[in-house]
Amino acid sequence: MVLEVVVRPVVFPNIRPARPRVLVKSDDPEQGMVVMGGGSSKFVSTSYSYNYSYSRAEKKQEVKRQVDKKRVYQVEDDGSSVSHGTSVNKDNFIDIEVTKKILLTGGKEPDRIEYAPYKDPPNVEVIEADVTKYPDGQ
């Protein structure tokens, strides 16, 4: 009776660091020199950009304004609808001025500022419309 022995090789990963490479010293002084060559003899240019900005604000002065004088009444918190008129307290109100247009001067041309019209809620009443006011009280 004969026994056979089977040997299988086992491959382990290489866990040892590799030995550093040793370069052979050259005796030729021209070896290892860098030789630089050129292509065409065209001029390489870079772009140049320049930007300058200047602004000047001129002081403007108000000449006149157009306002609407309105009266705003108190709205009650009872939960009823304002459109029925039952929730507006006409005994409690404030008077306000709502600006519509302003005229400014002081620059090359006068500036005119106009505000967009809007619809007033039911608790607002217009007392005077398009009243012109001047800053010096005229």
Protein backbone atom coordinates (compact mmCIF):
# COMPACT_ATOMS: atom_id res chain seq x y z
CA MET A 1 0.00 0.00 0.00
CA VAL A 2 1.38 3.32 -1.08
CA LEU A 3 0.31 6.67 0.27
CA GLU A 4 0.43 9.60 -2.02
CA VAL A 5 1.14 13.01 -0.63
CA VAL A 6 -0.24 15.95 -2.51
CA VAL A 7 1.42 19.26 -1.78
CA ARG A 8 -0.40 22.37 -2.80
CA PRO A 9 1.46 25.66 -2.66
CA VAL A 10 -0.14 28.46 -0.67
CA VAL A 11 0.30 32.04 -1.96
CA PHE A 12 0.49 34.67 0.75
CA PRO A 13 0.37 38.38 -0.06
CA ASN A 14 3.70 40.11 -0.01
CA ILE A 15 3.71 41.94 3.33
CA ARG A 16 7.33 42.97 3.29
CA PRO A 17 8.24 46.36 1.77
CA ALA A 18 10.07 46.28 -1.51
CA ARG A 19 13.75 46.99 -1.51
CA PRO A 20 14.68 50.46 -2.77
CA ARG A 21 15.94 50.66 -6.32
CA VAL A 22 19.57 51.37 -6.74
CA LEU A 23 20.47 53.46 -9.75
CA VAL A 24 23.78 52.91 -11.36
CA LYS A 25 25.87 56.04 -11.40
CA SER A 26 26.58 57.25 -14.89
CA ASP A 27 30.01 58.31 -15.99
CA ASP A 28 28.73 60.20 -19.04
CA PRO A 29 28.23 63.92 -18.11
CA GLU A 30 25.85 64.47 -21.05
CA GLN A 31 23.49 61.77 -19.89
CA GLY A 32 20.45 63.09 -18.00
CA MET A 33 20.69 66.63 -19.39
CA VAL A 34 17.47 68.27 -20.49
CA VAL A 35 17.33 69.55 -24.03
CA MET A 36 14.74 72.23 -24.65
CA GLY A 37 13.46 72.71 -28.13
CA GLY A 38 11.09 75.25 -29.54
CA GLY A 39 8.29 75.30 -32.02
CA SER A 40 7.41 78.25 -34.18
CA SER A 41 8.61 81.73 -33.39
CA LYS A 42 5.14 83.20 -32.88
CA PHE A 43 4.60 85.91 -30.27
CA VAL A 44 2.50 84.79 -27.32
CA SER A 45 0.33 87.65 -26.08
CA THR A 46 -1.89 87.99 -23.07
CA SER A 47 -5.22 89.78 -23.08
CA TYR A 48 -5.64 93.07 -21.26
CA SER A 49 -8.93 94.33 -19.90
CA TYR A 50 -9.79 97.55 -18.11
CA ASN A 51 -13.09 98.54 -16.54
CA TYR A 52 -14.04 101.85 -14.95
CA SER A 53 -17.35 102.78 -13.41
CA TYR A 54 -18.50 106.09 -11.98
CA SER A 55 -21.82 107.13 -10.56
CA ARG A 56 -22.90 110.27 -8.82
CA ALA A 57 -26.06 110.73 -6.85
CA GLU A 58 -27.51 114.19 -6.92
CA LYS A 59 -29.45 115.39 -3.96
CA LYS A 60 -33.09 115.79 -4.84
CA GLN A 61 -35.54 118.03 -3.08
CA GLU A 62 -39.29 117.58 -2.89
CA VAL A 63 -41.24 120.36 -4.62
CA LYS A 64 -44.80 119.14 -4.16
CA ARG A 65 -46.88 116.03 -3.57
CA GLN A 66 -50.43 114.98 -4.30
CA VAL A 67 -52.33 113.14 -1.57
CA ASP A 68 -55.77 111.80 -0.78
CA LYS A 69 -57.17 112.55 2.67
CA LYS A 70 -58.95 109.46 3.96
CA ARG A 71 -60.76 108.39 7.09
CA VAL A 72 -60.23 104.84 8.36
CA TYR A 73 -62.95 103.47 10.65
CA GLN A 74 -62.52 100.77 13.28
CA VAL A 75 -63.54 97.25 12.28
CA GLU A 76 -65.28 95.31 15.07
CA ASP A 77 -64.05 91.84 16.01
CA ASP A 78 -67.52 90.31 16.22
CA GLY A 79 -66.89 88.05 13.21
CA SER A 80 -69.55 89.58 10.97
CA SER A 81 -68.77 90.50 7.40
CA VAL A 82 -67.38 93.96 6.64
CA SER A 83 -69.31 94.08 3.36
CA HIS A 84 -72.65 94.15 5.24
CA GLY A 85 -71.60 97.31 7.08
CA THR A 86 -72.43 95.90 10.50
CA SER A 87 -68.86 95.48 11.71
CA VAL A 88 -67.62 99.06 11.08
CA ASN A 89 -67.65 101.38 14.10
CA LYS A 90 -68.04 104.93 12.66
CA ASP A 91 -67.55 106.51 16.10
CA ASN A 92 -63.89 105.43 16.22
CA PHE A 93 -61.67 106.56 13.29
CA ILE A 94 -58.36 108.11 12.27
CA ASP A 95 -57.64 110.53 9.42
CA ILE A 96 -54.67 109.75 7.17
CA GLU A 97 -53.03 111.16 4.04
CA VAL A 98 -52.18 108.67 1.28
CA THR A 99 -49.51 109.87 -1.16
CA LYS A 100 -50.32 109.48 -4.86
CA LYS A 101 -47.59 111.53 -6.64
CA ILE A 102 -44.34 113.26 -5.66
CA LEU A 103 -42.34 115.79 -7.71
CA LEU A 104 -38.58 116.04 -6.97
CA THR A 105 -36.05 118.51 -8.43
CA GLY A 106 -32.34 119.08 -8.06
CA GLY A 107 -30.87 117.04 -10.89
CA LYS A 108 -30.72 117.56 -14.62
CA GLU A 109 -34.38 116.63 -14.96
CA PRO A 110 -37.16 116.62 -12.38
CA ASP A 111 -38.24 113.20 -11.11
CA ARG A 112 -41.90 112.31 -10.81
CA ILE A 113 -42.88 109.39 -8.60
CA GLU A 114 -46.38 107.98 -9.08
CA TYR A 115 -47.82 105.27 -6.86
CA ALA A 116 -50.14 102.59 -8.23
CA PRO A 117 -53.85 103.09 -7.55
CA TYR A 118 -55.64 100.63 -5.31
CA LYS A 119 -59.16 99.87 -4.17
CA ASP A 120 -60.01 100.91 -0.63
CA PRO A 121 -61.63 98.42 1.77
CA PRO A 122 -65.17 99.18 3.01
CA ASN A 123 -63.96 100.72 6.28
CA VAL A 124 -62.04 103.52 4.42
CA GLU A 125 -63.77 106.70 3.24
CA VAL A 126 -62.17 109.38 1.00
CA ILE A 127 -62.62 112.83 2.56
CA GLU A 128 -60.68 114.89 -0.05
CA ALA A 129 -59.12 113.65 -3.28
CA ASP A 130 -56.08 115.00 -5.15
CA VAL A 131 -54.90 117.56 -2.56
CA THR A 132 -51.61 119.25 -3.53
CA LYS A 133 -49.20 119.85 -0.65
CA TYR A 134 -45.96 121.84 -0.65
CA PRO A 135 -43.06 121.17 1.74
CA ASP A 136 -42.95 124.77 2.98
CA GLY A 137 -46.59 124.59 4.08
CA GLN A 138 -48.27 126.54 1.27
